[in-house]
Amino acid sequence: MDVSRVAVLANIPISGQEESKFSQQFAETLTTVELINELNTKNVIPTSQVTGFTNHMRPDRIDKSRILTQVEALSNASHTYQGYFVVPAIFE
């Protein structure tokens, strides 16, 4: 695997030492995946979960004692605009 190409595509700067380390780790991972692919799973029943729970969720209740007003929520913000938080853009 071309680690430097993957790093460029992911926009992650890596050093030569890291490239060597990651190359070895990727090779070990791919070897493990190849071993798993060789396993005989013919009689294994497919499953997507193993706990037996179905839609095990907590009730959706509003705790009014923990709700902030808009003014309270924005009170410690360094920048706001018309009742909203203002944060630096992450996309160009």
C-alpha atoms as a PDB file:
ATOM      1  CA  MET A   1       0.000   0.000   0.000  1.00  0.00           C
ATOM      2  CA  ASP A   2       1.305   3.435  -0.912  1.00  0.00           C
ATOM      3  CA  VAL A   3       1.112   5.138   2.480  1.00  0.00           C
ATOM      4  CA  SER A   4       2.326   8.489   1.174  1.00  0.00           C
ATOM      5  CA  ARG A   5      -0.482   8.545  -1.427  1.00  0.00           C
ATOM      6  CA  VAL A   6      -3.098   7.717   1.219  1.00  0.00           C
ATOM      7  CA  ALA A   7      -1.687  10.465   3.444  1.00  0.00           C
ATOM      8  CA  VAL A   8      -1.926  12.981   0.594  1.00  0.00           C
ATOM      9  CA  LEU A   9      -5.511  11.937  -0.201  1.00  0.00           C
ATOM     10  CA  ALA A  10      -6.452  12.234   3.484  1.00  0.00           C
ATOM     11  CA  ASN A  11      -4.564  15.538   3.739  1.00  0.00           C
ATOM     12  CA  ILE A  12      -2.502  14.193   6.647  1.00  0.00           C
ATOM     13  CA  PRO A  13       1.152  15.216   6.786  1.00  0.00           C
ATOM     14  CA  ILE A  14       3.422  12.325   7.812  1.00  0.00           C
ATOM     15  CA  SER A  15       7.169  11.980   8.245  1.00  0.00           C
ATOM     16  CA  GLY A  16       9.329   9.322   6.625  1.00  0.00           C
ATOM     17  CA  GLN A  17       9.515   7.475   9.936  1.00  0.00           C
ATOM     18  CA  GLU A  18       5.713   7.515  10.265  1.00  0.00           C
ATOM     19  CA  GLU A  19       5.355   6.360   6.664  1.00  0.00           C
ATOM     20  CA  SER A  20       7.536   3.329   7.385  1.00  0.00           C
ATOM     21  CA  LYS A  21       5.632   2.562  10.603  1.00  0.00           C
ATOM     22  CA  PHE A  22       2.203   2.928   8.963  1.00  0.00           C
ATOM     23  CA  SER A  23       3.272   0.835   5.982  1.00  0.00           C
ATOM     24  CA  GLN A  24       4.182  -2.015   8.332  1.00  0.00           C
ATOM     25  CA  GLN A  25       0.918  -1.616  10.276  1.00  0.00           C
ATOM     26  CA  PHE A  26      -1.151  -1.615   7.071  1.00  0.00           C
ATOM     27  CA  ALA A  27       0.634  -4.769   5.900  1.00  0.00           C
ATOM     28  CA  GLU A  28      -0.109  -6.492   9.224  1.00  0.00           C
ATOM     29  CA  THR A  29      -3.752  -5.415   9.032  1.00  0.00           C
ATOM     30  CA  LEU A  30      -4.123  -6.701   5.467  1.00  0.00           C
ATOM     31  CA  THR A  31      -2.500 -10.008   6.460  1.00  0.00           C
ATOM     32  CA  THR A  32      -5.028 -10.366   9.287  1.00  0.00           C
ATOM     33  CA  VAL A  33      -7.915  -9.584   6.927  1.00  0.00           C
ATOM     34  CA  GLU A  34      -6.620 -12.200   4.470  1.00  0.00           C
ATOM     35  CA  LEU A  35      -6.544 -14.779   7.288  1.00  0.00           C
ATOM     36  CA  ILE A  36     -10.107 -13.901   8.260  1.00  0.00           C
ATOM     37  CA  ASN A  37     -11.219 -14.206   4.627  1.00  0.00           C
ATOM     38  CA  GLU A  38      -9.804 -17.747   4.534  1.00  0.00           C
ATOM     39  CA  LEU A  39     -12.003 -18.894   7.443  1.00  0.00           C
ATOM     40  CA  ASN A  40     -14.794 -21.317   6.622  1.00  0.00           C
ATOM     41  CA  THR A  41     -17.997 -19.490   7.530  1.00  0.00           C
ATOM     42  CA  LYS A  42     -20.351 -21.730   5.561  1.00  0.00           C
ATOM     43  CA  ASN A  43     -22.287 -22.901   8.638  1.00  0.00           C
ATOM     44  CA  VAL A  44     -22.179 -19.586  10.509  1.00  0.00           C
ATOM     45  CA  ILE A  45     -25.539 -17.879  10.811  1.00  0.00           C
ATOM     46  CA  PRO A  46     -25.349 -14.232   9.698  1.00  0.00           C
ATOM     47  CA  THR A  47     -26.169 -11.734  12.412  1.00  0.00           C
ATOM     48  CA  SER A  48     -26.215  -7.984  12.742  1.00  0.00           C
ATOM     49  CA  GLN A  49     -26.386  -7.908  16.549  1.00  0.00           C
ATOM     50  CA  VAL A  50     -25.906 -10.421  19.325  1.00  0.00           C
ATOM     51  CA  THR A  51     -27.601  -9.048  22.439  1.00  0.00           C
ATOM     52  CA  GLY A  52     -31.183  -9.907  21.577  1.00  0.00           C
ATOM     53  CA  PHE A  53     -32.357  -6.419  22.498  1.00  0.00           C
ATOM     54  CA  THR A  54     -34.743  -4.638  20.176  1.00  0.00           C
ATOM     55  CA  ASN A  55     -35.000  -0.862  20.242  1.00  0.00           C
ATOM     56  CA  HIS A  56     -33.704  -0.765  23.791  1.00  0.00           C
ATOM     57  CA  MET A  57     -33.838   2.987  24.393  1.00  0.00           C
ATOM     58  CA  ARG A  58     -34.529   5.257  27.295  1.00  0.00           C
ATOM     59  CA  PRO A  59     -37.801   7.176  27.364  1.00  0.00           C
ATOM     60  CA  ASP A  60     -37.514  10.569  25.692  1.00  0.00           C
ATOM     61  CA  ARG A  61     -38.443  12.896  28.533  1.00  0.00           C
ATOM     62  CA  ILE A  62     -37.693  16.596  28.808  1.00  0.00           C
ATOM     63  CA  ASP A  63     -36.192  17.649  32.126  1.00  0.00           C
ATOM     64  CA  LYS A  64     -37.424  21.237  32.328  1.00  0.00           C
ATOM     65  CA  SER A  65     -35.074  21.971  35.224  1.00  0.00           C
ATOM     66  CA  ARG A  66     -32.106  21.546  32.851  1.00  0.00           C
ATOM     67  CA  ILE A  67     -33.360  23.637  29.928  1.00  0.00           C
ATOM     68  CA  LEU A  68     -31.601  26.933  29.244  1.00  0.00           C
ATOM     69  CA  THR A  69     -33.280  29.928  27.722  1.00  0.00           C
ATOM     70  CA  GLN A  70     -31.726  31.253  24.536  1.00  0.00           C
ATOM     71  CA  VAL A  71     -30.240  34.169  26.459  1.00  0.00           C
ATOM     72  CA  GLU A  72     -28.720  31.809  29.052  1.00  0.00           C
ATOM     73  CA  ALA A  73     -27.335  29.507  26.374  1.00  0.00           C
ATOM     74  CA  LEU A  74     -25.666  32.380  24.535  1.00  0.00           C
ATOM     75  CA  SER A  75     -24.502  34.265  27.638  1.00  0.00           C
ATOM     76  CA  ASN A  76     -20.948  32.861  27.636  1.00  0.00           C
ATOM     77  CA  ALA A  77     -20.474  32.766  23.863  1.00  0.00           C
ATOM     78  CA  SER A  78     -17.666  34.947  22.579  1.00  0.00           C
ATOM     79  CA  HIS A  79     -19.510  35.700  19.316  1.00  0.00           C
ATOM     80  CA  THR A  80     -23.235  35.688  18.548  1.00  0.00           C
ATOM     81  CA  TYR A  81     -25.379  37.033  15.736  1.00  0.00           C
ATOM     82  CA  GLN A  82     -29.153  37.480  15.903  1.00  0.00           C
ATOM     83  CA  GLY A  83     -29.558  34.839  18.601  1.00  0.00           C
ATOM     84  CA  TYR A  84     -27.142  32.256  17.138  1.00  0.00           C
ATOM     85  CA  PHE A  85     -23.629  31.109  18.006  1.00  0.00           C
ATOM     86  CA  VAL A  86     -20.979  32.332  15.566  1.00  0.00           C
ATOM     87  CA  VAL A  87     -18.096  29.919  14.999  1.00  0.00           C
ATOM     88  CA  PRO A  88     -15.213  29.848  12.521  1.00  0.00           C
ATOM     89  CA  ALA A  89     -16.070  28.302   9.150  1.00  0.00           C
ATOM     90  CA  ILE A  90     -14.637  24.834   8.599  1.00  0.00           C
ATOM     91  CA  PHE A  91     -15.249  24.693   4.839  1.00  0.00           C
ATOM     92  CA  GLU A  92     -13.839  27.046   2.268  1.00  0.00           C
END
